[in-house]
Amino acid sequence: ISIKLDALGARWGVLSEDAFREGVRELLREAGYVVEKWLHYDGDGYVYGYPSEVELDIVVRDTAVMAVEITSSLRRSDLIAVKRKAELYAKATGKTVGAALVITPYISDRNPSYVKAMAERMGIRIITPEEPP
């Protein structure tokens, strides 16, 4: 039962991410931003250490480019992948990424404050729900 619940929870997380991502895309489009899902085959394995397809949400307004990762939970190791995805996007397209953001409801780490500090040092902004008072 535990395995089935974990599988359902993981699937719900993916569906929630997709629904949230589509909602954000629509809102940004209405506000004049261009939102695209960038898919790229990383044959050199720069992002994950082995050849794989890389997906990244890109938000553009005028000439400003922002890389956005939407995830149901964030681990410190995810920050490295986000940074590398943004770097790969810049290298592959020749466009400068001005900002990298991670939108998540949950930081899955024993020390979330450290993950936030790590992200700040890497130039990644983490957006989470406000902490309750």
N, C-alpha and C. Protein backbone atom coordinates (compact mmCIF):
# COMPACT_ATOMS: atom_id res chain seq x y z
N ILE A 1 0.83 -1.19 0.00
CA ILE A 1 0.00 0.00 0.00
C ILE A 1 0.87 1.25 0.00
N SER A 2 1.94 1.22 0.78
CA SER A 2 2.83 2.38 0.85
C SER A 2 3.41 2.72 -0.52
N ILE A 3 3.83 1.71 -1.27
CA ILE A 3 4.40 1.94 -2.59
C ILE A 3 3.36 2.55 -3.52
N LYS A 4 2.12 2.06 -3.44
CA LYS A 4 1.06 2.61 -4.29
C LYS A 4 0.75 4.05 -3.91
N LEU A 5 0.72 4.36 -2.60
CA LEU A 5 0.48 5.74 -2.17
C LEU A 5 1.60 6.66 -2.62
N ASP A 6 2.85 6.19 -2.51
CA ASP A 6 3.98 6.99 -2.98
C ASP A 6 3.86 7.26 -4.48
N ALA A 7 3.48 6.23 -5.24
CA ALA A 7 3.33 6.39 -6.68
C ALA A 7 2.22 7.38 -7.02
N LEU A 8 1.09 7.28 -6.30
CA LEU A 8 -0.01 8.22 -6.52
C LEU A 8 0.42 9.64 -6.17
N GLY A 9 1.12 9.79 -5.06
CA GLY A 9 1.59 11.10 -4.64
C GLY A 9 2.54 11.70 -5.66
N ALA A 10 3.44 10.87 -6.18
CA ALA A 10 4.38 11.35 -7.20
C ALA A 10 3.63 11.77 -8.45
N ARG A 11 2.65 10.98 -8.86
CA ARG A 11 1.86 11.29 -10.05
C ARG A 11 1.06 12.58 -9.83
N TRP A 12 0.47 12.73 -8.66
CA TRP A 12 -0.28 13.94 -8.36
C TRP A 12 0.64 15.16 -8.41
N GLY A 13 1.87 15.00 -7.90
CA GLY A 13 2.83 16.10 -7.94
C GLY A 13 3.12 16.53 -9.37
N VAL A 14 3.30 15.57 -10.26
CA VAL A 14 3.56 15.87 -11.67
C VAL A 14 2.36 16.57 -12.29
N LEU A 15 1.17 16.06 -12.02
CA LEU A 15 -0.04 16.69 -12.58
C LEU A 15 -0.22 18.09 -12.02
N SER A 16 0.05 18.28 -10.73
CA SER A 16 -0.07 19.61 -10.12
C SER A 16 0.93 20.58 -10.75
N GLU A 17 2.16 20.11 -10.96
CA GLU A 17 3.17 20.96 -11.60
C GLU A 17 2.71 21.39 -12.98
N ASP A 18 2.20 20.43 -13.75
CA ASP A 18 1.74 20.74 -15.11
C ASP A 18 0.59 21.75 -15.09
N ALA A 19 -0.36 21.56 -14.19
CA ALA A 19 -1.50 22.48 -14.10
C ALA A 19 -1.02 23.87 -13.69
N PHE A 20 -0.14 23.93 -12.71
CA PHE A 20 0.38 25.22 -12.24
C PHE A 20 1.18 25.90 -13.35
N ARG A 21 2.02 25.12 -14.04
CA ARG A 21 2.84 25.65 -15.13
C ARG A 21 1.96 26.26 -16.22
N GLU A 22 0.89 25.57 -16.59
CA GLU A 22 0.01 26.09 -17.62
C GLU A 22 -0.70 27.36 -17.17
N GLY A 23 -1.08 27.40 -15.89
CA GLY A 23 -1.72 28.60 -15.36
C GLY A 23 -0.77 29.80 -15.38
N VAL A 24 0.47 29.59 -14.98
CA VAL A 24 1.47 30.66 -14.99
C VAL A 24 1.72 31.12 -16.43
N ARG A 25 1.84 30.18 -17.34
CA ARG A 25 2.06 30.54 -18.75
C ARG A 25 0.95 31.45 -19.26
N GLU A 26 -0.28 31.06 -18.99
CA GLU A 26 -1.42 31.83 -19.48
C GLU A 26 -1.44 33.24 -18.88
N LEU A 27 -1.20 33.35 -17.59
CA LEU A 27 -1.17 34.66 -16.94
C LEU A 27 -0.07 35.55 -17.51
N LEU A 28 1.10 34.97 -17.72
CA LEU A 28 2.20 35.76 -18.25
C LEU A 28 1.95 36.19 -19.69
N ARG A 29 1.36 35.30 -20.48
CA ARG A 29 1.03 35.66 -21.87
C ARG A 29 0.09 36.86 -21.89
N GLU A 30 -0.92 36.82 -21.02
CA GLU A 30 -1.88 37.93 -20.97
C GLU A 30 -1.21 39.23 -20.53
N ALA A 31 -0.11 39.13 -19.78
CA ALA A 31 0.61 40.32 -19.32
C ALA A 31 1.67 40.77 -20.32
N GLY A 32 1.75 40.11 -21.49
CA GLY A 32 2.67 40.56 -22.52
C GLY A 32 4.00 39.84 -22.57
N TYR A 33 4.17 38.78 -21.81
CA TYR A 33 5.41 38.01 -21.83
C TYR A 33 5.28 36.88 -22.85
N VAL A 34 6.40 36.45 -23.38
CA VAL A 34 6.44 35.27 -24.24
C VAL A 34 6.94 34.12 -23.37
N VAL A 35 6.19 33.04 -23.34
CA VAL A 35 6.53 31.89 -22.52
C VAL A 35 6.70 30.69 -23.43
N GLU A 36 7.83 30.01 -23.29
CA GLU A 36 8.06 28.84 -24.12
C GLU A 36 8.66 27.70 -23.31
N LYS A 37 8.34 26.50 -23.74
CA LYS A 37 8.96 25.31 -23.16
C LYS A 37 10.12 24.97 -24.08
N TRP A 38 11.35 25.04 -23.55
CA TRP A 38 12.54 24.77 -24.34
C TRP A 38 12.94 23.32 -24.13
N LEU A 39 12.98 22.56 -25.20
CA LEU A 39 13.44 21.17 -25.16
C LEU A 39 14.71 21.09 -25.99
N HIS A 40 15.73 20.44 -25.42
CA HIS A 40 17.02 20.38 -26.09
C HIS A 40 17.70 19.06 -25.75
N TYR A 41 18.30 18.43 -26.73
CA TYR A 41 19.04 17.20 -26.47
C TYR A 41 20.46 17.58 -26.08
N ASP A 42 20.83 17.26 -24.85
CA ASP A 42 22.15 17.55 -24.30
C ASP A 42 23.04 16.34 -24.56
N GLY A 43 23.59 16.27 -25.75
CA GLY A 43 24.40 15.13 -26.15
C GLY A 43 25.70 14.99 -25.38
N ASP A 44 26.21 16.09 -24.84
CA ASP A 44 27.46 16.04 -24.08
C ASP A 44 27.24 15.66 -22.62
N GLY A 45 25.98 15.64 -22.17
CA GLY A 45 25.71 15.31 -20.78
C GLY A 45 26.08 16.41 -19.81
N TYR A 46 26.04 17.65 -20.26
CA TYR A 46 26.43 18.78 -19.40
C TYR A 46 25.54 18.91 -18.16
N VAL A 47 24.24 18.76 -18.32
CA VAL A 47 23.32 18.99 -17.21
C VAL A 47 23.33 17.85 -16.21
N TYR A 48 23.12 16.63 -16.68
CA TYR A 48 22.94 15.49 -15.78
C TYR A 48 24.13 14.53 -15.71
N GLY A 49 25.16 14.79 -16.51
CA GLY A 49 26.32 13.90 -16.49
C GLY A 49 26.26 12.79 -17.52
N TYR A 50 25.17 12.72 -18.27
CA TYR A 50 25.00 11.74 -19.35
C TYR A 50 24.07 12.35 -20.38
N PRO A 51 24.17 11.92 -21.64
CA PRO A 51 23.30 12.50 -22.68
C PRO A 51 21.82 12.33 -22.33
N SER A 52 21.07 13.41 -22.45
CA SER A 52 19.65 13.36 -22.13
C SER A 52 18.93 14.56 -22.71
N GLU A 53 17.60 14.46 -22.74
CA GLU A 53 16.77 15.58 -23.15
C GLU A 53 16.61 16.51 -21.94
N VAL A 54 16.73 17.79 -22.19
CA VAL A 54 16.63 18.81 -21.14
C VAL A 54 15.42 19.67 -21.43
N GLU A 55 14.64 19.95 -20.41
CA GLU A 55 13.44 20.79 -20.53
C GLU A 55 13.58 21.98 -19.59
N LEU A 56 13.23 23.15 -20.10
CA LEU A 56 13.32 24.36 -19.30
C LEU A 56 12.23 25.33 -19.76
N ASP A 57 11.56 25.97 -18.81
CA ASP A 57 10.59 27.00 -19.13
C ASP A 57 11.34 28.32 -19.26
N ILE A 58 11.09 29.03 -20.36
CA ILE A 58 11.75 30.30 -20.63
C ILE A 58 10.68 31.39 -20.73
N VAL A 59 10.91 32.49 -20.04
CA VAL A 59 10.01 33.63 -20.06
C VAL A 59 10.79 34.82 -20.63
N VAL A 60 10.22 35.47 -21.65
CA VAL A 60 10.91 36.57 -22.32
C VAL A 60 10.00 37.79 -22.37
N ARG A 61 10.58 38.93 -22.07
CA ARG A 61 9.88 40.21 -22.26
C ARG A 61 10.90 41.18 -22.81
N ASP A 62 10.61 41.73 -23.97
CA ASP A 62 11.56 42.56 -24.71
C ASP A 62 12.82 41.72 -24.94
N THR A 63 13.94 42.10 -24.35
CA THR A 63 15.17 41.31 -24.52
C THR A 63 15.55 40.58 -23.24
N ALA A 64 14.76 40.72 -22.18
CA ALA A 64 15.06 40.06 -20.90
C ALA A 64 14.62 38.60 -20.95
N VAL A 65 15.53 37.69 -20.61
CA VAL A 65 15.26 36.25 -20.63
C VAL A 65 15.38 35.70 -19.22
N MET A 66 14.36 34.92 -18.82
CA MET A 66 14.34 34.33 -17.49
C MET A 66 14.12 32.82 -17.63
N ALA A 67 14.94 32.04 -16.93
CA ALA A 67 14.78 30.59 -16.89
C ALA A 67 13.96 30.26 -15.64
N VAL A 68 12.91 29.43 -15.81
CA VAL A 68 12.02 29.13 -14.69
C VAL A 68 11.85 27.62 -14.57
N GLU A 69 12.06 27.12 -13.37
CA GLU A 69 11.83 25.71 -13.07
C GLU A 69 10.68 25.64 -12.07
N ILE A 70 9.64 24.89 -12.39
CA ILE A 70 8.50 24.70 -11.50
C ILE A 70 8.53 23.26 -11.04
N THR A 71 8.56 23.05 -9.73
CA THR A 71 8.69 21.70 -9.20
C THR A 71 7.89 21.55 -7.91
N SER A 72 7.42 20.32 -7.66
CA SER A 72 6.61 20.09 -6.46
C SER A 72 7.47 20.04 -5.20
N SER A 73 8.76 19.79 -5.33
CA SER A 73 9.68 19.87 -4.19
C SER A 73 11.08 20.13 -4.72
N LEU A 74 11.91 20.74 -3.90
CA LEU A 74 13.26 21.13 -4.30
C LEU A 74 14.28 20.52 -3.36
N ARG A 75 15.27 19.85 -3.95
CA ARG A 75 16.42 19.34 -3.19
C ARG A 75 17.63 20.19 -3.57
N ARG A 76 18.64 20.21 -2.72
CA ARG A 76 19.82 21.02 -3.03
C ARG A 76 20.48 20.59 -4.34
N SER A 77 20.44 19.31 -4.66
CA SER A 77 21.04 18.84 -5.91
C SER A 77 20.30 19.38 -7.13
N ASP A 78 19.03 19.74 -6.98
CA ASP A 78 18.26 20.31 -8.09
C ASP A 78 18.80 21.66 -8.53
N LEU A 79 19.39 22.39 -7.59
CA LEU A 79 19.92 23.71 -7.91
C LEU A 79 21.02 23.64 -8.96
N ILE A 80 21.86 22.62 -8.86
CA ILE A 80 22.94 22.46 -9.83
C ILE A 80 22.35 22.22 -11.22
N ALA A 81 21.32 21.38 -11.30
CA ALA A 81 20.69 21.10 -12.59
C ALA A 81 20.05 22.36 -13.17
N VAL A 82 19.38 23.15 -12.33
CA VAL A 82 18.75 24.39 -12.80
C VAL A 82 19.81 25.33 -13.36
N LYS A 83 20.91 25.49 -12.64
CA LYS A 83 21.99 26.38 -13.10
C LYS A 83 22.55 25.88 -14.43
N ARG A 84 22.79 24.59 -14.52
CA ARG A 84 23.35 24.04 -15.76
C ARG A 84 22.37 24.12 -16.93
N LYS A 85 21.07 23.95 -16.64
CA LYS A 85 20.07 24.10 -17.71
C LYS A 85 20.10 25.52 -18.27
N ALA A 86 20.17 26.51 -17.38
CA ALA A 86 20.22 27.91 -17.83
C ALA A 86 21.49 28.17 -18.63
N GLU A 87 22.61 27.62 -18.19
CA GLU A 87 23.87 27.79 -18.91
C GLU A 87 23.81 27.11 -20.28
N LEU A 88 23.23 25.92 -20.33
CA LEU A 88 23.10 25.21 -21.61
C LEU A 88 22.19 25.98 -22.57
N TYR A 89 21.09 26.53 -22.04
CA TYR A 89 20.19 27.33 -22.86
C TYR A 89 20.96 28.51 -23.47
N ALA A 90 21.73 29.21 -22.64
CA ALA A 90 22.50 30.37 -23.11
C ALA A 90 23.50 29.95 -24.18
N LYS A 91 24.17 28.84 -23.97
CA LYS A 91 25.17 28.37 -24.94
C LYS A 91 24.51 27.94 -26.25
N ALA A 92 23.39 27.22 -26.15
CA ALA A 92 22.73 26.69 -27.35
C ALA A 92 22.03 27.77 -28.17
N THR A 93 21.51 28.80 -27.50
CA THR A 93 20.72 29.82 -28.21
C THR A 93 21.48 31.12 -28.44
N GLY A 94 22.54 31.34 -27.67
CA GLY A 94 23.27 32.59 -27.76
C GLY A 94 22.59 33.73 -27.03
N LYS A 95 21.54 33.42 -26.27
CA LYS A 95 20.81 34.44 -25.50
C LYS A 95 21.28 34.44 -24.06
N THR A 96 21.42 35.61 -23.49
CA THR A 96 21.84 35.75 -22.10
C THR A 96 20.65 35.54 -21.18
N VAL A 97 20.81 34.68 -20.20
CA VAL A 97 19.76 34.45 -19.20
C VAL A 97 20.00 35.44 -18.06
N GLY A 98 19.06 36.36 -17.89
CA GLY A 98 19.21 37.39 -16.88
C GLY A 98 18.84 36.94 -15.48
N ALA A 99 17.98 35.93 -15.38
CA ALA A 99 17.54 35.46 -14.06
C ALA A 99 17.13 33.99 -14.16
N ALA A 100 17.34 33.28 -13.06
CA ALA A 100 16.89 31.90 -12.94
C ALA A 100 16.03 31.80 -11.69
N LEU A 101 14.83 31.22 -11.83
CA LEU A 101 13.90 31.09 -10.71
C LEU A 101 13.47 29.64 -10.55
N VAL A 102 13.26 29.25 -9.31
CA VAL A 102 12.64 27.96 -9.00
C VAL A 102 11.38 28.27 -8.21
N ILE A 103 10.25 27.77 -8.68
CA ILE A 103 8.98 27.95 -7.98
C ILE A 103 8.61 26.60 -7.39
N THR A 104 8.46 26.55 -6.08
CA THR A 104 8.18 25.30 -5.39
C THR A 104 7.42 25.54 -4.09
N PRO A 105 6.51 24.64 -3.74
CA PRO A 105 5.83 24.78 -2.45
C PRO A 105 6.63 24.19 -1.29
N TYR A 106 7.70 23.41 -1.61
CA TYR A 106 8.36 22.65 -0.55
C TYR A 106 9.85 22.47 -0.86
N ILE A 107 10.70 22.79 0.12
CA ILE A 107 12.12 22.51 0.02
C ILE A 107 12.38 21.24 0.82
N SER A 108 12.73 20.17 0.11
CA SER A 108 12.92 18.85 0.71
C SER A 108 14.37 18.69 1.15
N ASP A 109 14.68 19.23 2.31
CA ASP A 109 16.05 19.19 2.83
C ASP A 109 16.00 19.36 4.34
N ARG A 110 16.96 18.78 5.02
CA ARG A 110 16.98 18.91 6.48
C ARG A 110 17.29 20.34 6.92
N ASN A 111 17.83 21.14 5.99
CA ASN A 111 18.17 22.52 6.30
C ASN A 111 17.74 23.43 5.15
N PRO A 112 16.45 23.77 5.07
CA PRO A 112 15.96 24.62 3.97
C PRO A 112 16.66 25.97 3.88
N SER A 113 17.07 26.52 5.01
CA SER A 113 17.76 27.82 4.99
C SER A 113 19.08 27.72 4.23
N TYR A 114 19.76 26.58 4.38
CA TYR A 114 21.01 26.38 3.65
C TYR A 114 20.74 26.32 2.14
N VAL A 115 19.67 25.63 1.76
CA VAL A 115 19.33 25.52 0.33
C VAL A 115 19.04 26.92 -0.24
N LYS A 116 18.34 27.74 0.53
CA LYS A 116 18.05 29.10 0.08
C LYS A 116 19.34 29.91 -0.08
N ALA A 117 20.26 29.77 0.89
CA ALA A 117 21.54 30.48 0.81
C ALA A 117 22.38 29.98 -0.36
N MET A 118 22.37 28.67 -0.58
CA MET A 118 23.08 28.07 -1.70
C MET A 118 22.55 28.62 -3.03
N ALA A 119 21.22 28.68 -3.14
CA ALA A 119 20.60 29.20 -4.36
C ALA A 119 21.00 30.66 -4.59
N GLU A 120 21.00 31.44 -3.53
CA GLU A 120 21.37 32.85 -3.65
C GLU A 120 22.81 32.99 -4.16
N ARG A 121 23.71 32.18 -3.62
CA ARG A 121 25.11 32.22 -4.08
C ARG A 121 25.23 31.82 -5.55
N MET A 122 24.33 30.94 -6.01
CA MET A 122 24.36 30.48 -7.40
C MET A 122 23.61 31.42 -8.34
N GLY A 123 22.96 32.43 -7.79
CA GLY A 123 22.20 33.37 -8.61
C GLY A 123 20.82 32.86 -8.99
N ILE A 124 20.28 31.96 -8.16
CA ILE A 124 18.95 31.40 -8.40
C ILE A 124 18.01 31.92 -7.32
N ARG A 125 16.86 32.40 -7.73
CA ARG A 125 15.86 32.87 -6.77
C ARG A 125 14.83 31.77 -6.55
N ILE A 126 14.59 31.42 -5.29
CA ILE A 126 13.60 30.41 -4.95
C ILE A 126 12.33 31.12 -4.51
N ILE A 127 11.21 30.73 -5.11
CA ILE A 127 9.92 31.30 -4.73
C ILE A 127 9.10 30.19 -4.07
N THR A 128 8.75 30.40 -2.81
CA THR A 128 7.96 29.44 -2.04
C THR A 128 6.79 30.18 -1.40
N PRO A 129 5.81 29.44 -0.90
CA PRO A 129 4.71 30.10 -0.18
C PRO A 129 5.26 30.80 1.06
N GLU A 130 4.59 31.85 1.47
CA GLU A 130 4.98 32.56 2.67
C GLU A 130 4.88 31.63 3.89
N GLU A 131 5.82 31.78 4.79
CA GLU A 131 5.79 31.01 6.03
C GLU A 131 4.64 31.52 6.90
N PRO A 132 3.93 30.62 7.59
CA PRO A 132 2.85 31.08 8.47
C PRO A 132 3.42 31.91 9.63
N PRO A 133 2.67 32.91 10.12
CA PRO A 133 3.17 33.76 11.20
C PRO A 133 3.34 32.99 12.50
